[in-house]
N, C-alpha and C. Protein backbone atom coordinates (compact mmCIF):
# COMPACT_ATOMS: atom_id res chain seq x y z
N MET A 1 165.45 -7.36 42.52
CA MET A 1 165.26 -6.56 43.70
C MET A 1 163.89 -5.92 43.65
N TYR A 2 163.43 -5.48 44.82
CA TYR A 2 162.13 -4.84 44.96
C TYR A 2 162.30 -3.48 45.63
N ILE A 3 161.35 -2.59 45.38
CA ILE A 3 161.39 -1.25 45.95
C ILE A 3 160.01 -0.92 46.50
N ILE A 4 160.00 -0.19 47.62
CA ILE A 4 158.74 0.26 48.23
C ILE A 4 158.98 1.64 48.85
N LYS A 5 157.98 2.51 48.73
CA LYS A 5 158.02 3.84 49.31
C LYS A 5 157.14 3.85 50.55
N VAL A 6 157.71 4.26 51.67
CA VAL A 6 157.01 4.25 52.95
C VAL A 6 156.69 5.68 53.35
N LYS A 7 155.43 5.96 53.64
CA LYS A 7 154.97 7.30 54.00
C LYS A 7 155.35 7.62 55.44
N GLY A 8 155.99 8.77 55.63
CA GLY A 8 156.34 9.22 56.97
C GLY A 8 155.16 9.94 57.61
N LYS A 9 155.25 10.13 58.91
CA LYS A 9 154.20 10.83 59.65
C LYS A 9 154.83 11.94 60.47
N ALA A 10 154.13 13.05 60.55
CA ALA A 10 154.57 14.21 61.32
C ALA A 10 156.00 14.61 60.95
N LYS A 11 156.95 14.47 61.87
CA LYS A 11 158.33 14.87 61.61
C LYS A 11 159.16 13.77 60.96
N ILE A 12 158.61 12.59 60.81
CA ILE A 12 159.33 11.48 60.19
C ILE A 12 159.15 11.59 58.67
N PRO A 13 160.26 11.63 57.92
CA PRO A 13 160.15 11.79 56.46
C PRO A 13 159.76 10.50 55.75
N ASP A 14 159.44 10.62 54.47
CA ASP A 14 159.17 9.45 53.63
C ASP A 14 160.48 8.71 53.39
N TYR A 15 160.39 7.39 53.34
CA TYR A 15 161.58 6.56 53.14
C TYR A 15 161.38 5.60 51.98
N ILE A 16 162.50 5.15 51.43
CA ILE A 16 162.52 4.15 50.37
C ILE A 16 163.23 2.92 50.91
N GLN A 17 162.66 1.76 50.66
CA GLN A 17 163.30 0.50 51.00
C GLN A 17 163.60 -0.25 49.71
N ILE A 18 164.80 -0.81 49.62
CA ILE A 18 165.14 -1.70 48.52
C ILE A 18 165.42 -3.06 49.14
N ARG A 19 164.75 -4.07 48.61
CA ARG A 19 164.87 -5.42 49.15
C ARG A 19 165.34 -6.38 48.06
N ASP A 20 166.06 -7.42 48.47
CA ASP A 20 166.54 -8.40 47.49
C ASP A 20 165.43 -9.39 47.15
N LEU A 21 165.76 -10.41 46.39
CA LEU A 21 164.75 -11.38 45.94
C LEU A 21 164.14 -12.18 47.08
N ASN A 22 164.82 -12.26 48.22
CA ASN A 22 164.29 -12.93 49.41
C ASN A 22 163.61 -11.95 50.35
N PHE A 23 163.39 -10.72 49.89
CA PHE A 23 162.74 -9.64 50.64
C PHE A 23 163.55 -9.18 51.85
N VAL A 24 164.86 -9.43 51.83
CA VAL A 24 165.75 -8.94 52.88
C VAL A 24 166.09 -7.49 52.56
N LEU A 25 166.00 -6.63 53.56
CA LEU A 25 166.29 -5.21 53.38
C LEU A 25 167.76 -5.01 53.07
N VAL A 26 168.05 -4.38 51.91
CA VAL A 26 169.44 -4.12 51.52
C VAL A 26 169.77 -2.64 51.50
N ALA A 27 168.75 -1.77 51.42
CA ALA A 27 168.96 -0.32 51.44
C ALA A 27 167.72 0.35 52.01
N TYR A 28 167.96 1.42 52.77
CA TYR A 28 166.90 2.17 53.41
C TYR A 28 167.37 3.62 53.44
N PHE A 29 166.66 4.52 52.76
CA PHE A 29 167.10 5.90 52.69
C PHE A 29 165.90 6.83 52.51
N ARG A 30 166.13 8.11 52.82
CA ARG A 30 165.07 9.10 52.69
C ARG A 30 164.73 9.31 51.23
N ALA A 31 163.46 9.49 50.95
CA ALA A 31 163.00 9.67 49.57
C ALA A 31 163.45 11.00 48.99
N ASP A 32 163.70 11.99 49.82
CA ASP A 32 164.08 13.31 49.33
C ASP A 32 165.59 13.50 49.22
N ARG A 33 166.36 12.47 49.53
CA ARG A 33 167.82 12.56 49.42
C ARG A 33 168.33 11.45 48.51
N PRO A 34 169.36 11.75 47.75
CA PRO A 34 169.88 10.72 46.84
C PRO A 34 170.48 9.54 47.61
N MET A 35 170.37 8.39 47.00
CA MET A 35 170.91 7.18 47.58
C MET A 35 172.43 7.17 47.42
N LYS A 36 173.12 6.80 48.49
CA LYS A 36 174.58 6.71 48.43
C LYS A 36 174.97 5.25 48.21
N ASN A 37 176.15 5.05 47.67
CA ASN A 37 176.71 3.71 47.46
C ASN A 37 175.83 2.84 46.57
N VAL A 38 175.30 3.39 45.49
CA VAL A 38 174.45 2.61 44.59
C VAL A 38 175.20 1.49 43.90
N GLU A 39 176.53 1.62 43.82
CA GLU A 39 177.31 0.57 43.17
C GLU A 39 177.25 -0.75 43.93
N LYS A 40 176.97 -0.70 45.24
CA LYS A 40 176.84 -1.93 46.02
C LYS A 40 175.65 -2.78 45.56
N PHE A 41 174.69 -2.15 44.89
CA PHE A 41 173.48 -2.85 44.48
C PHE A 41 173.38 -2.99 42.97
N GLY A 42 174.46 -2.67 42.26
CA GLY A 42 174.47 -2.80 40.80
C GLY A 42 173.66 -1.72 40.11
N LEU A 43 173.51 -0.56 40.74
CA LEU A 43 172.69 0.51 40.17
C LEU A 43 173.52 1.72 39.74
N GLU A 44 174.84 1.59 39.65
CA GLU A 44 175.67 2.71 39.25
C GLU A 44 175.32 3.14 37.83
N GLY A 45 175.28 4.46 37.64
CA GLY A 45 174.91 5.00 36.34
C GLY A 45 173.41 5.08 36.12
N LYS A 46 172.62 4.63 37.07
CA LYS A 46 171.16 4.64 36.93
C LYS A 46 170.50 5.53 37.97
N GLU A 47 171.27 6.47 38.51
CA GLU A 47 170.75 7.33 39.57
C GLU A 47 169.56 8.18 39.09
N LYS A 48 169.65 8.70 37.86
CA LYS A 48 168.58 9.54 37.32
C LYS A 48 167.28 8.74 37.16
N GLU A 49 167.39 7.52 36.63
CA GLU A 49 166.21 6.66 36.47
C GLU A 49 165.61 6.31 37.82
N LEU A 50 166.48 6.07 38.81
CA LEU A 50 166.02 5.74 40.15
C LEU A 50 165.27 6.92 40.77
N GLU A 51 165.78 8.15 40.58
CA GLU A 51 165.11 9.34 41.09
C GLU A 51 163.73 9.50 40.46
N GLU A 52 163.62 9.29 39.15
CA GLU A 52 162.34 9.40 38.46
C GLU A 52 161.36 8.35 38.96
N LEU A 53 161.85 7.13 39.14
CA LEU A 53 161.00 6.05 39.64
C LEU A 53 160.48 6.37 41.04
N ILE A 54 161.34 6.88 41.90
CA ILE A 54 160.96 7.21 43.28
C ILE A 54 159.90 8.31 43.29
N SER A 55 160.03 9.30 42.42
CA SER A 55 159.05 10.39 42.39
C SER A 55 157.67 9.91 41.94
N LYS A 56 157.62 8.87 41.10
CA LYS A 56 156.34 8.36 40.59
C LYS A 56 155.79 7.18 41.41
N LEU A 57 156.60 6.64 42.29
CA LEU A 57 156.25 5.45 43.05
C LEU A 57 155.12 5.74 44.05
N PRO A 58 154.05 4.94 44.04
CA PRO A 58 152.98 5.14 45.03
C PRO A 58 153.43 4.62 46.40
N PHE A 59 152.87 5.20 47.45
CA PHE A 59 153.22 4.77 48.80
C PHE A 59 152.66 3.38 49.10
N GLY A 60 153.47 2.56 49.77
CA GLY A 60 153.02 1.27 50.27
C GLY A 60 152.84 0.18 49.25
N LYS A 61 153.28 0.38 48.03
CA LYS A 61 153.09 -0.63 47.00
C LYS A 61 154.45 -1.20 46.60
N LEU A 62 154.67 -2.45 46.92
CA LEU A 62 155.92 -3.14 46.60
C LEU A 62 155.97 -3.39 45.10
N GLN A 63 157.08 -2.99 44.47
CA GLN A 63 157.24 -3.19 43.02
C GLN A 63 158.59 -3.79 42.73
N LYS A 64 158.64 -4.56 41.66
CA LYS A 64 159.92 -5.12 41.21
C LYS A 64 160.75 -3.97 40.66
N LEU A 65 162.01 -3.88 41.08
CA LEU A 65 162.90 -2.82 40.65
C LEU A 65 163.57 -3.24 39.34
N GLU A 66 163.13 -2.61 38.26
CA GLU A 66 163.67 -2.90 36.93
C GLU A 66 164.08 -1.60 36.28
N LEU A 67 165.38 -1.36 36.21
CA LEU A 67 165.89 -0.14 35.60
C LEU A 67 166.71 -0.48 34.38
């Protein structure tokens, strides 16, 4: 899977996109709120690592999601 942080403008908040290996969007959520239903993506138990990754993730740079 891949992850990208999208910068919001004005009243639109920053968002996180998680995409599968074919770059199909599988999750889209606000960067300042925890992701719900992480078990659907095989990320259960890795919420803390995901939060740390999101805080360090640069805007607009697609990265392979490896936790």
